[in-house]
């Protein structure tokens, strides 16, 4: 898993398809979360920042189109619709509701990855600049270069997992991420316990007093959050 991987939310009531997409997209370098319907998707979106959504149209209780219509009232996050509908009019309706692209089922997973990458390239949400830094007191983390520097400009070595943690937590300063969610997003055999270990190691590199952290804080019973000076 690369440190600056994009976070994708798959919304589909088909458990098997959710699992297959989650595994395939992770293998292609993405962070992936899944939701079994619109309600769970909205709950996750209140907690985490997503770079792109993959939404099935045919879902019970609230269809993908209904979900998309409500979503567009408050968010411009890119959306790819999955549909078994073959009528052109149905696909046009999805685009009119604000979808960025659609893909009829069944589809080739490699095609989905290409469509995702194409959308992210042109999405304003995906653009990072070299000036995008996290000010952590004694050091600076450059998001684009994935480098941790001290105030004199010397590079402080951090592992790919530590880079990924800084990117995920730094994407939403002040937002609490559960240990389980971080383990799920980072993948690669991570567990809540291993996340605790990685956080401890990272604190020793960025905090003046790792036992009383100022920037990488624990929210008891909930998880971790990052509070950069900027």
Protein backbone atom coordinates (compact mmCIF):
# COMPACT_ATOMS: atom_id res chain seq x y z
CA UNK A 1 0.00 0.00 0.00
CA UNK A 2 1.44 3.32 -1.03
CA UNK A 3 1.49 6.14 1.46
CA UNK A 4 -0.52 8.60 -0.64
CA UNK A 5 -3.14 6.07 -1.81
CA UNK A 6 -6.59 7.43 -2.53
CA UNK A 7 -9.46 6.39 -0.29
CA UNK A 8 -12.41 4.79 -2.11
CA UNK A 9 -15.85 3.91 -0.72
CA UNK A 10 -17.72 1.01 -2.35
CA UNK A 11 -21.49 1.16 -1.75
CA UNK A 12 -23.30 -2.03 -2.77
CA UNK A 13 -25.76 -4.40 -1.07
CA UNK A 14 -24.06 -7.40 -2.71
CA UNK A 15 -21.65 -8.66 -0.05
CA UNK A 16 -19.70 -10.84 -2.48
CA UNK A 17 -19.14 -7.98 -4.95
CA UNK A 18 -18.13 -5.63 -2.13
CA UNK A 19 -15.54 -8.11 -0.96
CA UNK A 20 -14.18 -8.73 -4.47
CA UNK A 21 -13.91 -5.02 -5.24
CA UNK A 22 -12.28 -4.29 -1.90
CA UNK A 23 -9.61 -6.93 -2.46
CA UNK A 24 -8.98 -6.00 -6.11
CA UNK A 25 -8.77 -2.25 -5.47
CA UNK A 26 -6.43 -2.77 -2.53
CA UNK A 27 -4.19 -4.86 -4.75
CA UNK A 28 -4.10 -1.88 -7.11
CA UNK A 29 -2.90 0.53 -4.42
CA UNK A 30 -6.08 2.09 -3.02
CA UNK A 31 -7.42 2.45 0.50
CA UNK A 32 -10.90 0.90 0.42
CA UNK A 33 -13.92 1.07 2.70
CA UNK A 34 -17.26 -0.63 2.04
CA UNK A 35 -20.90 0.07 2.86
CA UNK A 36 -23.94 -2.17 2.38
CA UNK A 37 -26.24 0.72 1.54
CA UNK A 38 -26.85 4.45 1.52
CA UNK A 39 -27.33 4.81 5.29
CA UNK A 40 -24.02 3.13 6.13
CA UNK A 41 -22.28 5.13 3.40
CA UNK A 42 -23.47 8.42 4.88
CA UNK A 43 -22.31 7.31 8.32
CA UNK A 44 -18.84 6.55 7.00
CA UNK A 45 -18.69 9.85 5.12
CA UNK A 46 -19.33 11.70 8.37
CA UNK A 47 -16.20 10.09 9.80
CA UNK A 48 -13.77 9.85 6.88
CA UNK A 49 -12.68 11.72 3.77
CA UNK A 50 -13.14 9.79 0.51
CA UNK A 51 -11.56 10.59 -2.84
CA UNK A 52 -14.10 8.65 -4.90
CA UNK A 53 -17.29 6.60 -4.44
CA UNK A 54 -18.41 3.51 -6.36
CA UNK A 55 -22.18 3.20 -5.98
CA UNK A 56 -24.58 0.51 -7.16
CA UNK A 57 -27.87 1.86 -8.54
CA UNK A 58 -30.08 -1.10 -7.61
CA UNK A 59 -30.06 -1.08 -3.79
CA UNK A 60 -32.99 -1.72 -1.43
CA UNK A 61 -34.52 1.01 0.76
CA UNK A 62 -32.63 3.81 -1.04
CA UNK A 63 -31.39 3.47 -4.59
CA UNK A 64 -28.02 4.63 -5.79
CA UNK A 65 -29.69 7.45 -7.72
CA UNK A 66 -31.54 8.66 -4.62
CA UNK A 67 -28.32 8.50 -2.64
CA UNK A 68 -26.47 10.40 -5.36
CA UNK A 69 -29.15 13.09 -5.59
CA UNK A 70 -28.87 13.79 -1.85
CA UNK A 71 -25.09 13.59 -1.95
CA UNK A 72 -24.83 16.25 -4.64
CA UNK A 73 -26.59 18.74 -2.41
CA UNK A 74 -23.51 18.88 -0.20
CA UNK A 75 -20.55 17.16 -1.87
CA UNK A 76 -18.71 17.12 -5.20
CA UNK A 77 -16.81 13.89 -4.46
CA UNK A 78 -16.42 11.88 -7.71
CA UNK A 79 -18.92 9.01 -8.14
CA UNK A 80 -18.92 6.00 -10.45
CA UNK A 81 -22.30 4.28 -10.75
CA UNK A 82 -22.55 0.51 -11.18
CA UNK A 83 -25.69 -0.64 -12.95
CA UNK A 84 -27.22 -3.73 -14.48
CA UNK A 85 -29.56 -1.49 -16.45
CA UNK A 86 -28.97 -1.59 -20.17
CA UNK A 87 -31.14 1.30 -21.30
CA UNK A 88 -29.29 4.39 -22.46
CA UNK A 89 -31.92 6.56 -20.79
CA UNK A 90 -31.09 5.04 -17.41
CA UNK A 91 -27.40 5.79 -17.86
CA UNK A 92 -28.14 9.35 -18.93
CA UNK A 93 -30.31 9.77 -15.83
CA UNK A 94 -27.36 8.75 -13.65
CA UNK A 95 -25.15 11.37 -15.28
CA UNK A 96 -27.90 13.97 -14.87
CA UNK A 97 -28.00 13.18 -11.14
CA UNK A 98 -24.31 14.06 -10.92
CA UNK A 99 -22.39 10.84 -11.56
CA UNK A 100 -18.92 11.26 -13.06
CA UNK A 101 -19.05 7.93 -14.86
CA UNK A 102 -21.00 4.67 -15.00
CA UNK A 103 -20.12 1.05 -15.59
CA UNK A 104 -22.69 -1.61 -16.52
CA UNK A 105 -22.50 -5.01 -14.84
CA UNK A 106 -20.82 -7.35 -15.42
CA UNK A 107 -17.62 -5.41 -15.92
CA UNK A 108 -13.90 -6.03 -16.17
CA UNK A 109 -12.21 -4.95 -12.89
CA UNK A 110 -9.22 -3.59 -14.80
CA UNK A 111 -11.55 -1.25 -16.69
CA UNK A 112 -12.95 0.01 -13.39
CA UNK A 113 -9.41 0.81 -12.16
CA UNK A 114 -8.66 2.74 -15.38
CA UNK A 115 -11.88 4.74 -15.01
CA UNK A 116 -11.05 5.51 -11.37
CA UNK A 117 -7.57 6.72 -12.25
CA UNK A 118 -8.86 8.88 -15.10
CA UNK A 119 -11.42 10.55 -12.84
CA UNK A 120 -8.93 11.15 -10.05
CA UNK A 121 -6.47 12.76 -12.47
CA UNK A 122 -8.97 15.43 -13.42
CA UNK A 123 -10.57 15.82 -10.00
CA UNK A 124 -9.63 19.01 -8.09
CA UNK A 125 -9.77 16.94 -4.90
CA UNK A 126 -6.89 14.83 -6.16
CA UNK A 127 -4.45 17.67 -6.77
CA UNK A 128 -1.65 18.12 -4.29
CA UNK A 129 1.02 20.79 -4.36
CA UNK A 130 4.60 20.67 -3.23
CA UNK A 131 3.73 23.30 -0.63
CA UNK A 132 1.23 21.03 1.11
CA UNK A 133 2.99 20.52 4.43
CA UNK A 134 1.94 19.47 7.90
CA UNK A 135 3.58 21.63 10.56
CA UNK A 136 4.39 19.34 13.49
CA UNK A 137 6.41 21.70 15.66
CA UNK A 138 9.93 20.35 15.56
CA UNK A 139 9.41 18.88 12.11
CA UNK A 140 7.51 19.28 8.84
CA UNK A 141 5.83 16.52 6.83
CA UNK A 142 5.66 17.12 3.08
CA UNK A 143 2.53 15.37 1.85
CA UNK A 144 3.52 15.15 -1.80
CA UNK A 145 7.11 14.06 -1.30
CA UNK A 146 6.20 11.88 1.72
CA UNK A 147 9.19 13.30 3.58
CA UNK A 148 9.52 14.15 7.26
CA UNK A 149 12.05 16.95 7.83
CA UNK A 150 13.38 18.60 10.95
CA UNK A 151 13.53 22.40 11.13
CA UNK A 152 17.05 22.44 9.67
CA UNK A 153 15.87 20.54 6.58
CA UNK A 154 17.36 17.16 7.46
CA UNK A 155 15.30 14.13 6.49
CA UNK A 156 13.95 12.00 9.33
CA UNK A 157 13.51 8.39 8.21
CA UNK A 158 9.95 7.07 8.38
CA UNK A 159 8.57 3.78 7.11
CA UNK A 160 5.90 3.43 4.37
CA UNK A 161 3.32 2.60 7.05
CA UNK A 162 4.27 5.73 9.01
CA UNK A 163 3.95 7.75 5.79
CA UNK A 164 0.51 6.26 5.21
CA UNK A 165 -0.58 7.12 8.75
CA UNK A 166 0.51 10.75 8.32
CA UNK A 167 -1.29 11.01 5.00
CA UNK A 168 -4.53 9.51 6.29
CA UNK A 169 -4.59 11.40 9.60
CA UNK A 170 -3.30 14.59 7.99
CA UNK A 171 -6.05 14.58 5.36
CA UNK A 172 -8.57 15.49 8.07
CA UNK A 173 -6.83 17.23 10.99
CA UNK A 174 -8.75 16.88 14.23
CA UNK A 175 -10.84 13.96 12.99
CA UNK A 176 -10.69 10.82 15.10
CA UNK A 177 -9.83 7.58 13.28
CA UNK A 178 -10.57 4.29 15.05
CA UNK A 179 -7.69 1.83 15.34
CA UNK A 180 -9.74 -0.77 13.48
CA UNK A 181 -10.46 1.67 10.66
CA UNK A 182 -6.80 2.61 10.28
CA UNK A 183 -5.83 -1.07 10.17
CA UNK A 184 -8.49 -1.69 7.53
CA UNK A 185 -7.41 1.29 5.41
CA UNK A 186 -3.69 0.48 5.55
CA UNK A 187 -4.21 -3.22 4.86
CA UNK A 188 -1.05 -5.29 4.33
CA UNK A 189 -1.63 -7.41 7.44
CA UNK A 190 -2.19 -4.48 9.79
CA UNK A 191 -4.25 -4.97 12.97
CA UNK A 192 -5.47 -2.61 15.70
CA UNK A 193 -2.55 -3.73 17.84
CA UNK A 194 0.01 -3.12 15.09
CA UNK A 195 -1.48 0.36 14.57
CA UNK A 196 -0.81 1.09 18.26
CA UNK A 197 2.80 0.05 17.77
CA UNK A 198 3.20 2.18 14.64
CA UNK A 199 1.68 5.21 16.38
CA UNK A 200 4.09 4.80 19.30
CA UNK A 201 7.07 4.67 16.93
CA UNK A 202 5.86 7.64 14.93
CA UNK A 203 5.39 9.73 18.07
CA UNK A 204 9.04 9.21 18.99
CA UNK A 205 9.96 10.86 15.70
CA UNK A 206 7.60 13.85 15.73
CA UNK A 207 6.90 14.64 19.39
CA UNK A 208 9.04 16.50 21.92
CA UNK A 209 7.60 14.20 24.60
CA UNK A 210 6.20 11.02 23.07
CA UNK A 211 4.45 10.08 26.33
CA UNK A 212 2.58 13.38 26.34
CA UNK A 213 1.95 13.94 22.63
CA UNK A 214 0.96 17.34 21.31
CA UNK A 215 0.34 16.47 17.65
CA UNK A 216 -0.51 12.77 17.37
CA UNK A 217 -3.14 12.42 20.07
CA UNK A 218 -5.14 9.54 21.51
CA UNK A 219 -8.86 9.99 22.05
CA UNK A 220 -9.67 7.49 24.76
CA UNK A 221 -12.00 4.73 23.62
CA UNK A 222 -12.22 6.15 20.08
CA UNK A 223 -8.86 6.21 18.31
CA UNK A 224 -6.22 8.67 17.08
CA UNK A 225 -6.16 12.13 15.53
CA UNK A 226 -3.51 14.48 14.18
CA UNK A 227 -3.42 18.16 15.18
CA UNK A 228 -0.79 20.00 13.11
CA UNK A 229 -0.08 23.66 13.83
CA UNK A 230 -1.38 24.63 10.39
